[in-house]
């Protein structure tokens, strides 16, 4: 006899929908890693320039612009990941 807590639910999506969301997750992962690498690179550049006392207004502007966008990017307002949301006529409030 199988423990009821270990049983799987029937799928509610098609194979194509699963493939589409898997592709979206892959693209999102690539984008997130790219954003993180850029933010880390600019932050390390700022720290190094401060340590060796190099003044660069362009680097300072880039730092605040890139890090600011990194923390306020659109992904944070699209909570819930990819795919259709329940009650699409209403704003999505998360899970």
PDB file of N, CA and C in Angstrom:
ATOM      1  N   UNK A   1       0.844  -1.171   0.000  1.00  0.00           N
ATOM      2  CA  UNK A   1       0.000   0.000   0.000  1.00  0.00           C
ATOM      3  C   UNK A   1       0.897   1.244   0.000  1.00  0.00           C
ATOM      4  N   UNK A   2       0.529   2.233  -0.819  1.00  0.00           N
ATOM      5  CA  UNK A   2       1.316   3.457  -0.966  1.00  0.00           C
ATOM      6  C   UNK A   2       0.826   4.500   0.032  1.00  0.00           C
ATOM      7  N   UNK A   3       1.758   5.125   0.693  1.00  0.00           N
ATOM      8  CA  UNK A   3       1.444   6.212   1.619  1.00  0.00           C
ATOM      9  C   UNK A   3       0.778   7.345   0.844  1.00  0.00           C
ATOM     10  N   UNK A   4      -0.421   7.820   1.248  1.00  0.00           N
ATOM     11  CA  UNK A   4      -1.122   8.871   0.497  1.00  0.00           C
ATOM     12  C   UNK A   4      -0.311  10.163   0.341  1.00  0.00           C
ATOM     13  N   UNK A   5       0.564  10.454   1.278  1.00  0.00           N
ATOM     14  CA  UNK A   5       1.368  11.674   1.175  1.00  0.00           C
ATOM     15  C   UNK A   5       2.444  11.561   0.105  1.00  0.00           C
ATOM     16  N   UNK A   6       2.696  10.357  -0.400  1.00  0.00           N
ATOM     17  CA  UNK A   6       3.724  10.143  -1.417  1.00  0.00           C
ATOM     18  C   UNK A   6       3.141  10.005  -2.827  1.00  0.00           C
ATOM     19  N   UNK A   7       1.823  10.068  -2.961  1.00  0.00           N
ATOM     20  CA  UNK A   7       1.198   9.930  -4.273  1.00  0.00           C
ATOM     21  C   UNK A   7       1.305  11.233  -5.046  1.00  0.00           C
ATOM     22  N   UNK A   8       1.486  11.118  -6.365  1.00  0.00           N
ATOM     23  CA  UNK A   8       1.550  12.287  -7.239  1.00  0.00           C
ATOM     24  C   UNK A   8       0.152  12.702  -7.653  1.00  0.00           C
ATOM     25  N   UNK A   9      -0.011  13.985  -7.909  1.00  0.00           N
ATOM     26  CA  UNK A   9      -1.264  14.497  -8.447  1.00  0.00           C
ATOM     27  C   UNK A   9      -1.250  14.345  -9.959  1.00  0.00           C
ATOM     28  N   UNK A  10      -2.420  14.274 -10.555  1.00  0.00           N
ATOM     29  CA  UNK A  10      -2.513  14.219 -12.008  1.00  0.00           C
ATOM     30  C   UNK A  10      -2.025  15.542 -12.589  1.00  0.00           C
ATOM     31  N   UNK A  11      -1.315  15.499 -13.724  1.00  0.00           N
ATOM     32  CA  UNK A  11      -0.832  16.737 -14.327  1.00  0.00           C
ATOM     33  C   UNK A  11      -1.991  17.575 -14.861  1.00  0.00           C
ATOM     34  N   UNK A  12      -1.834  18.884 -14.781  1.00  0.00           N
ATOM     35  CA  UNK A  12      -2.865  19.791 -15.299  1.00  0.00           C
ATOM     36  C   UNK A  12      -2.346  20.606 -16.469  1.00  0.00           C
ATOM     37  N   UNK A  13      -1.173  20.251 -16.988  1.00  0.00           N
ATOM     38  CA  UNK A  13      -0.598  20.955 -18.128  1.00  0.00           C
ATOM     39  C   UNK A  13      -0.255  19.963 -19.224  1.00  0.00           C
ATOM     40  N   UNK A  14      -0.098  20.502 -20.441  1.00  0.00           N
ATOM     41  CA  UNK A  14       0.293  19.650 -21.567  1.00  0.00           C
ATOM     42  C   UNK A  14       1.814  19.564 -21.624  1.00  0.00           C
ATOM     43  N   UNK A  15       2.300  18.633 -22.421  1.00  0.00           N
ATOM     44  CA  UNK A  15       3.753  18.493 -22.583  1.00  0.00           C
ATOM     45  C   UNK A  15       4.338  19.768 -23.181  1.00  0.00           C
ATOM     46  N   UNK A  16       3.608  20.410 -24.103  1.00  0.00           N
ATOM     47  CA  UNK A  16       4.099  21.653 -24.708  1.00  0.00           C
ATOM     48  C   UNK A  16       4.179  22.771 -23.677  1.00  0.00           C
ATOM     49  N   UNK A  17       3.196  22.884 -22.807  1.00  0.00           N
ATOM     50  CA  UNK A  17       3.236  23.900 -21.754  1.00  0.00           C
ATOM     51  C   UNK A  17       4.410  23.655 -20.811  1.00  0.00           C
ATOM     52  N   UNK A  18       4.657  22.394 -20.491  1.00  0.00           N
ATOM     53  CA  UNK A  18       5.806  22.059 -19.640  1.00  0.00           C
ATOM     54  C   UNK A  18       7.114  22.435 -20.319  1.00  0.00           C
ATOM     55  N   UNK A  19       7.222  22.151 -21.632  1.00  0.00           N
ATOM     56  CA  UNK A  19       8.442  22.495 -22.374  1.00  0.00           C
ATOM     57  C   UNK A  19       8.628  24.002 -22.444  1.00  0.00           C
ATOM     58  N   UNK A  20       7.537  24.727 -22.630  1.00  0.00           N
ATOM     59  CA  UNK A  20       7.616  26.192 -22.707  1.00  0.00           C
ATOM     60  C   UNK A  20       8.085  26.787 -21.385  1.00  0.00           C
ATOM     61  N   UNK A  21       7.493  26.349 -20.265  1.00  0.00           N
ATOM     62  CA  UNK A  21       7.904  26.907 -18.975  1.00  0.00           C
ATOM     63  C   UNK A  21       9.321  26.479 -18.612  1.00  0.00           C
ATOM     64  N   UNK A  22       9.726  25.278 -19.030  1.00  0.00           N
ATOM     65  CA  UNK A  22      11.112  24.856 -18.782  1.00  0.00           C
ATOM     66  C   UNK A  22      12.072  25.759 -19.548  1.00  0.00           C
ATOM     67  N   UNK A  23      11.728  26.106 -20.785  1.00  0.00           N
ATOM     68  CA  UNK A  23      12.558  27.024 -21.570  1.00  0.00           C
ATOM     69  C   UNK A  23      12.606  28.403 -20.946  1.00  0.00           C
ATOM     70  N   UNK A  24      11.465  28.872 -20.438  1.00  0.00           N
ATOM     71  CA  UNK A  24      11.417  30.180 -19.783  1.00  0.00           C
ATOM     72  C   UNK A  24      12.271  30.179 -18.523  1.00  0.00           C
ATOM     73  N   UNK A  25      12.219  29.095 -17.768  1.00  0.00           N
ATOM     74  CA  UNK A  25      13.047  29.007 -16.550  1.00  0.00           C
ATOM     75  C   UNK A  25      14.532  29.042 -16.899  1.00  0.00           C
ATOM     76  N   UNK A  26      14.905  28.383 -18.010  1.00  0.00           N
ATOM     77  CA  UNK A  26      16.315  28.373 -18.429  1.00  0.00           C
ATOM     78  C   UNK A  26      16.766  29.775 -18.815  1.00  0.00           C
ATOM     79  N   UNK A  27      15.959  30.476 -19.595  1.00  0.00           N
ATOM     80  CA  UNK A  27      16.293  31.849 -19.994  1.00  0.00           C
ATOM     81  C   UNK A  27      16.366  32.746 -18.761  1.00  0.00           C
ATOM     82  N   UNK A  28      15.418  32.591 -17.834  1.00  0.00           N
ATOM     83  CA  UNK A  28      15.435  33.392 -16.609  1.00  0.00           C
ATOM     84  C   UNK A  28      16.694  33.127 -15.791  1.00  0.00           C
ATOM     85  N   UNK A  29      17.117  31.870 -15.718  1.00  0.00           N
ATOM     86  CA  UNK A  29      18.330  31.531 -14.984  1.00  0.00           C
ATOM     87  C   UNK A  29      19.556  32.184 -15.621  1.00  0.00           C
ATOM     88  N   UNK A  30      19.638  32.113 -16.942  1.00  0.00           N
ATOM     89  CA  UNK A  30      20.762  32.755 -17.653  1.00  0.00           C
ATOM     90  C   UNK A  30      20.757  34.249 -17.381  1.00  0.00           C
ATOM     91  N   UNK A  31      19.591  34.870 -17.456  1.00  0.00           N
ATOM     92  CA  UNK A  31      19.481  36.315 -17.234  1.00  0.00           C
ATOM     93  C   UNK A  31      19.854  36.676 -15.793  1.00  0.00           C
ATOM     94  N   UNK A  32      19.378  35.917 -14.827  1.00  0.00           N
ATOM     95  CA  UNK A  32      19.703  36.187 -13.426  1.00  0.00           C
ATOM     96  C   UNK A  32      21.205  36.074 -13.171  1.00  0.00           C
ATOM     97  N   UNK A  33      21.841  35.040 -13.721  1.00  0.00           N
ATOM     98  CA  UNK A  33      23.285  34.856 -13.536  1.00  0.00           C
ATOM     99  C   UNK A  33      24.046  36.001 -14.200  1.00  0.00           C
ATOM    100  N   UNK A  34      23.607  36.411 -15.383  1.00  0.00           N
ATOM    101  CA  UNK A  34      24.264  37.529 -16.076  1.00  0.00           C
ATOM    102  C   UNK A  34      24.160  38.809 -15.258  1.00  0.00           C
ATOM    103  N   UNK A  35      22.961  39.093 -14.746  1.00  0.00           N
ATOM    104  CA  UNK A  35      22.779  40.290 -13.916  1.00  0.00           C
ATOM    105  C   UNK A  35      23.668  40.242 -12.680  1.00  0.00           C
ATOM    106  N   UNK A  36      23.728  39.098 -12.050  1.00  0.00           N
ATOM    107  CA  UNK A  36      24.544  38.960 -10.839  1.00  0.00           C
ATOM    108  C   UNK A  36      26.016  39.177 -11.150  1.00  0.00           C
ATOM    109  N   UNK A  37      26.502  38.597 -12.247  1.00  0.00           N
ATOM    110  CA  UNK A  37      27.913  38.760 -12.607  1.00  0.00           C
ATOM    111  C   UNK A  37      28.252  40.218 -12.899  1.00  0.00           C
ATOM    112  N   UNK A  38      27.368  40.908 -13.605  1.00  0.00           N
ATOM    113  CA  UNK A  38      27.611  42.329 -13.893  1.00  0.00           C
ATOM    114  C   UNK A  38      27.635  43.129 -12.599  1.00  0.00           C
ATOM    115  N   UNK A  39      26.667  42.908 -11.722  1.00  0.00           N
ATOM    116  CA  UNK A  39      26.602  43.646 -10.459  1.00  0.00           C
ATOM    117  C   UNK A  39      27.830  43.364  -9.594  1.00  0.00           C
ATOM    118  N   UNK A  40      28.240  42.111  -9.535  1.00  0.00           N
ATOM    119  CA  UNK A  40      29.420  41.753  -8.739  1.00  0.00           C
ATOM    120  C   UNK A  40      30.679  42.373  -9.331  1.00  0.00           C
ATOM    121  N   UNK A  41      30.823  42.332 -10.653  1.00  0.00           N
ATOM    122  CA  UNK A  41      32.003  42.903 -11.310  1.00  0.00           C
ATOM    123  C   UNK A  41      32.107  44.399 -11.050  1.00  0.00           C
ATOM    124  N   UNK A  42      31.003  45.109 -11.188  1.00  0.00           N
ATOM    125  CA  UNK A  42      31.029  46.561 -10.951  1.00  0.00           C
ATOM    126  C   UNK A  42      31.297  46.858  -9.481  1.00  0.00           C
ATOM    127  N   UNK A  43      30.732  46.078  -8.580  1.00  0.00           N
ATOM    128  CA  UNK A  43      30.963  46.289  -7.151  1.00  0.00           C
ATOM    129  C   UNK A  43      32.432  46.051  -6.789  1.00  0.00           C
ATOM    130  N   UNK A  44      33.014  44.970  -7.295  1.00  0.00           N
ATOM    131  CA  UNK A  44      34.430  44.689  -7.042  1.00  0.00           C
ATOM    132  C   UNK A  44      35.296  45.797  -7.633  1.00  0.00           C
ATOM    133  N   UNK A  45      34.934  46.280  -8.820  1.00  0.00           N
ATOM    134  CA  UNK A  45      35.687  47.389  -9.434  1.00  0.00           C
ATOM    135  C   UNK A  45      35.636  48.634  -8.562  1.00  0.00           C
ATOM    136  N   UNK A  46      34.481  48.905  -7.969  1.00  0.00           N
ATOM    137  CA  UNK A  46      34.356  50.059  -7.069  1.00  0.00           C
ATOM    138  C   UNK A  46      35.245  49.893  -5.846  1.00  0.00           C
ATOM    139  N   UNK A  47      35.257  48.709  -5.275  1.00  0.00           N
ATOM    140  CA  UNK A  47      36.074  48.459  -4.082  1.00  0.00           C
ATOM    141  C   UNK A  47      37.554  48.596  -4.408  1.00  0.00           C
ATOM    142  N   UNK A  48      37.985  48.014  -5.519  1.00  0.00           N
ATOM    143  CA  UNK A  48      39.395  48.090  -5.928  1.00  0.00           C
ATOM    144  C   UNK A  48      39.786  49.534  -6.202  1.00  0.00           C
ATOM    145  N   UNK A  49      38.927  50.269  -6.909  1.00  0.00           N
ATOM    146  CA  UNK A  49      39.270  51.666  -7.209  1.00  0.00           C
ATOM    147  C   UNK A  49      39.344  52.505  -5.940  1.00  0.00           C
ATOM    148  N   UNK A  50      38.515  52.194  -4.952  1.00  0.00           N
ATOM    149  CA  UNK A  50      38.582  52.915  -3.679  1.00  0.00           C
ATOM    150  C   UNK A  50      39.863  52.566  -2.927  1.00  0.00           C
ATOM    151  N   UNK A  51      40.266  51.303  -2.977  1.00  0.00           N
ATOM    152  CA  UNK A  51      41.480  50.885  -2.275  1.00  0.00           C
ATOM    153  C   UNK A  51      42.742  51.497  -2.868  1.00  0.00           C
ATOM    154  N   UNK A  52      42.780  51.618  -4.192  1.00  0.00           N
ATOM    155  CA  UNK A  52      43.985  52.188  -4.811  1.00  0.00           C
ATOM    156  C   UNK A  52      43.796  53.670  -5.148  1.00  0.00           C
ATOM    157  N   UNK A  53      42.734  54.237  -4.608  1.00  0.00           N
ATOM    158  CA  UNK A  53      42.428  55.670  -4.682  1.00  0.00           C
ATOM    159  C   UNK A  53      42.382  56.203  -6.111  1.00  0.00           C
ATOM    160  N   UNK A  54      41.600  55.549  -6.941  1.00  0.00           N
ATOM    161  CA  UNK A  54      41.344  56.034  -8.299  1.00  0.00           C
ATOM    162  C   UNK A  54      39.941  56.614  -8.306  1.00  0.00           C
ATOM    163  N   UNK A  55      39.816  57.851  -8.743  1.00  0.00           N
ATOM    164  CA  UNK A  55      38.510  58.511  -8.834  1.00  0.00           C
ATOM    165  C   UNK A  55      37.988  58.351 -10.256  1.00  0.00           C
ATOM    166  N   UNK A  56      36.822  57.745 -10.411  1.00  0.00           N
ATOM    167  CA  UNK A  56      36.221  57.582 -11.727  1.00  0.00           C
ATOM    168  C   UNK A  56      34.723  57.876 -11.626  1.00  0.00           C
ATOM    169  N   UNK A  57      34.327  59.075 -12.061  1.00  0.00           N
ATOM    170  CA  UNK A  57      32.893  59.403 -12.011  1.00  0.00           C
ATOM    171  C   UNK A  57      32.045  58.417 -12.829  1.00  0.00           C
ATOM    172  N   UNK A  58      32.596  57.942 -13.946  1.00  0.00           N
ATOM    173  CA  UNK A  58      31.850  56.994 -14.778  1.00  0.00           C
ATOM    174  C   UNK A  58      31.611  55.679 -14.030  1.00  0.00           C
ATOM    175  N   UNK A  59      32.624  55.208 -13.307  1.00  0.00           N
ATOM    176  CA  UNK A  59      32.475  53.967 -12.553  1.00  0.00           C
ATOM    177  C   UNK A  59      31.482  54.142 -11.412  1.00  0.00           C
ATOM    178  N   UNK A  60      31.537  55.278 -10.762  1.00  0.00           N
ATOM    179  CA  UNK A  60      30.588  55.558  -9.680  1.00  0.00           C
ATOM    180  C   UNK A  60      29.163  55.584 -10.226  1.00  0.00           C
ATOM    181  N   UNK A  61      28.966  56.282 -11.357  1.00  0.00           N
ATOM    182  CA  UNK A  61      27.635  56.325 -11.977  1.00  0.00           C
ATOM    183  C   UNK A  61      27.179  54.927 -12.380  1.00  0.00           C
ATOM    184  N   UNK A  62      28.090  54.162 -12.992  1.00  0.00           N
ATOM    185  CA  UNK A  62      27.747  52.799 -13.418  1.00  0.00           C
ATOM    186  C   UNK A  62      27.378  51.947 -12.212  1.00  0.00           C
ATOM    187  N   UNK A  63      28.126  52.092 -11.133  1.00  0.00           N
ATOM    188  CA  UNK A  63      27.847  51.313  -9.924  1.00  0.00           C
ATOM    189  C   UNK A  63      26.433  51.570  -9.424  1.00  0.00           C
ATOM    190  N   UNK A  64      26.082  52.839  -9.229  1.00  0.00           N
ATOM    191  CA  UNK A  64      24.759  53.156  -8.698  1.00  0.00           C
ATOM    192  C   UNK A  64      23.649  52.793  -9.678  1.00  0.00           C
ATOM    193  N   UNK A  65      23.894  52.988 -10.957  1.00  0.00           N
ATOM    194  CA  UNK A  65      22.891  52.649 -11.961  1.00  0.00           C
ATOM    195  C   UNK A  65      22.671  51.134 -12.034  1.00  0.00           C
ATOM    196  N   UNK A  66      23.743  50.386 -12.162  1.00  0.00           N
ATOM    197  CA  UNK A  66      23.624  48.931 -12.327  1.00  0.00           C
ATOM    198  C   UNK A  66      23.116  48.273 -11.056  1.00  0.00           C
ATOM    199  N   UNK A  67      23.686  48.621  -9.918  1.00  0.00           N
ATOM    200  CA  UNK A  67      23.241  48.006  -8.670  1.00  0.00           C
ATOM    201  C   UNK A  67      21.813  48.441  -8.344  1.00  0.00           C
ATOM    202  N   UNK A  68      21.475  49.695  -8.624  1.00  0.00           N
ATOM    203  CA  UNK A  68      20.099  50.160  -8.411  1.00  0.00           C
ATOM    204  C   UNK A  68      19.103  49.389  -9.250  1.00  0.00           C
ATOM    205  N   UNK A  69      19.426  49.208 -10.526  1.00  0.00           N
ATOM    206  CA  UNK A  69      18.538  48.432 -11.387  1.00  0.00           C
ATOM    207  C   UNK A  69      18.510  46.969 -10.979  1.00  0.00           C
ATOM    208  N   UNK A  70      19.634  46.452 -10.543  1.00  0.00           N
ATOM    209  CA  UNK A  70      19.690  45.045 -10.144  1.00  0.00           C
ATOM    210  C   UNK A  70      18.702  44.772  -9.013  1.00  0.00           C
ATOM    211  N   UNK A  71      18.634  45.669  -8.039  1.00  0.00           N
ATOM    212  CA  UNK A  71      17.756  45.442  -6.893  1.00  0.00           C
ATOM    213  C   UNK A  71      16.316  45.869  -7.125  1.00  0.00           C
ATOM    214  N   UNK A  72      16.052  46.633  -8.186  1.00  0.00           N
ATOM    215  CA  UNK A  72      14.673  47.063  -8.420  1.00  0.00           C
ATOM    216  C   UNK A  72      14.137  46.575  -9.757  1.00  0.00           C
ATOM    217  N   UNK A  73      14.734  45.552 -10.321  1.00  0.00           N
ATOM    218  CA  UNK A  73      14.337  45.089 -11.648  1.00  0.00           C
ATOM    219  C   UNK A  73      12.910  44.553 -11.661  1.00  0.00           C
ATOM    220  N   UNK A  74      12.402  44.446 -12.862  1.00  0.00           N
ATOM    221  CA  UNK A  74      11.012  44.071 -13.062  1.00  0.00           C
ATOM    222  C   UNK A  74      10.685  42.704 -12.492  1.00  0.00           C
ATOM    223  N   UNK A  75      11.636  41.792 -12.449  1.00  0.00           N
ATOM    224  CA  UNK A  75      11.371  40.442 -11.950  1.00  0.00           C
ATOM    225  C   UNK A  75      10.737  40.473 -10.559  1.00  0.00           C
ATOM    226  N   UNK A  76      11.088  41.450  -9.735  1.00  0.00           N
ATOM    227  CA  UNK A  76      10.568  41.489  -8.382  1.00  0.00           C
ATOM    228  C   UNK A  76       9.084  41.823  -8.350  1.00  0.00           C
ATOM    229  N   UNK A  77       8.584  42.491  -9.399  1.00  0.00           N
ATOM    230  CA  UNK A  77       7.156  42.803  -9.420  1.00  0.00           C
ATOM    231  C   UNK A  77       6.362  41.691 -10.082  1.00  0.00           C
ATOM    232  N   UNK A  78       7.035  40.717 -10.692  1.00  0.00           N
ATOM    233  CA  UNK A  78       6.361  39.592 -11.340  1.00  0.00           C
ATOM    234  C   UNK A  78       6.518  38.341 -10.485  1.00  0.00           C
ATOM    235  N   UNK A  79       6.075  38.430  -9.256  1.00  0.00           N
ATOM    236  CA  UNK A  79       6.225  37.334  -8.310  1.00  0.00           C
ATOM    237  C   UNK A  79       5.408  36.132  -8.781  1.00  0.00           C
ATOM    238  N   UNK A  80       5.937  34.959  -8.612  1.00  0.00           N
ATOM    239  CA  UNK A  80       5.191  33.760  -8.943  1.00  0.00           C
ATOM    240  C   UNK A  80       5.779  32.983 -10.094  1.00  0.00           C
ATOM    241  N   UNK A  81       6.818  33.512 -10.716  1.00  0.00           N
ATOM    242  CA  UNK A  81       7.483  32.772 -11.777  1.00  0.00           C
ATOM    243  C   UNK A  81       6.772  32.859 -13.107  1.00  0.00           C
ATOM    244  N   UNK A  82       7.089  31.917 -13.967  1.00  0.00           N
ATOM    245  CA  UNK A  82       6.578  31.923 -15.328  1.00  0.00           C
ATOM    246  C   UNK A  82       5.251  31.191 -15.413  1.00  0.00           C
ATOM    247  N   UNK A  83       4.563  31.387 -16.528  1.00  0.00           N
ATOM    248  CA  UNK A  83       3.320  30.666 -16.770  1.00  0.00           C
ATOM    249  C   UNK A  83       2.102  31.458 -16.367  1.00  0.00           C
ATOM    250  N   UNK A  84       0.956  30.897 -16.666  1.00  0.00           N
ATOM    251  CA  UNK A  84      -0.297  31.609 -16.367  1.00  0.00           C
ATOM    252  C   UNK A  84      -0.519  31.750 -14.871  1.00  0.00           C
ATOM    253  N   UNK A  85      -1.193  32.806 -14.496  1.00  0.00           N
ATOM    254  CA  UNK A  85      -1.491  33.070 -13.089  1.00  0.00           C
ATOM    255  C   UNK A  85      -2.986  32.841 -12.850  1.00  0.00           C
ATOM    256  N   UNK A  86      -3.346  32.429 -11.653  1.00  0.00           N
ATOM    257  CA  UNK A  86      -4.777  32.270 -11.361  1.00  0.00           C
ATOM    258  C   UNK A  86      -5.479  33.622 -11.390  1.00  0.00           C
ATOM    259  N   UNK A  87      -6.739  33.634 -11.789  1.00  0.00           N
ATOM    260  CA  UNK A  87      -7.519  34.879 -11.842  1.00  0.00           C
ATOM    261  C   UNK A  87      -6.791  35.972 -12.601  1.00  0.00           C
ATOM    262  N   UNK A  88      -6.511  35.758 -13.873  1.00  0.00           N
ATOM    263  CA  UNK A  88      -5.703  36.709 -14.642  1.00  0.00           C
ATOM    264  C   UNK A  88      -6.363  38.069 -14.802  1.00  0.00           C
ATOM    265  N   UNK A  89      -7.662  38.194 -14.517  1.00  0.00           N
ATOM    266  CA  UNK A  89      -8.305  39.501 -14.589  1.00  0.00           C
ATOM    267  C   UNK A  89      -8.022  40.338 -13.341  1.00  0.00           C
ATOM    268  N   UNK A  90      -7.457  39.722 -12.314  1.00  0.00           N
ATOM    269  CA  UNK A  90      -7.092  40.414 -11.084  1.00  0.00           C
ATOM    270  C   UNK A  90      -5.579  40.459 -10.959  1.00  0.00           C
ATOM    271  N   UNK A  91      -5.012  41.473 -10.303  1.00  0.00           N
ATOM    272  CA  UNK A  91      -3.552  41.486 -10.093  1.00  0.00           C
ATOM    273  C   UNK A  91      -3.126  40.262  -9.290  1.00  0.00           C
ATOM    274  N   UNK A  92      -2.013  39.678  -9.680  1.00  0.00           N
ATOM    275  CA  UNK A  92      -1.516  38.481  -8.999  1.00  0.00           C
ATOM    276  C   UNK A  92      -0.875  38.877  -7.682  1.00  0.00           C
ATOM    277  N   UNK A  93      -1.267  38.236  -6.587  1.00  0.00           N
ATOM    278  CA  UNK A  93      -0.792  38.575  -5.245  1.00  0.00           C
ATOM    279  C   UNK A  93       0.209  37.582  -4.700  1.00  0.00           C
ATOM    280  N   UNK A  94       0.707  36.689  -5.513  1.00  0.00           N
ATOM    281  CA  UNK A  94       1.658  35.691  -5.034  1.00  0.00           C
ATOM    282  C   UNK A  94       0.939  34.404  -4.680  1.00  0.00           C
ATOM    283  N   UNK A  95       1.686  33.483  -4.083  1.00  0.00           N
ATOM    284  CA  UNK A  95       1.101  32.170  -3.767  1.00  0.00           C
ATOM    285  C   UNK A  95       0.417  32.150  -2.442  1.00  0.00           C
TER     286      UNK A  95
END
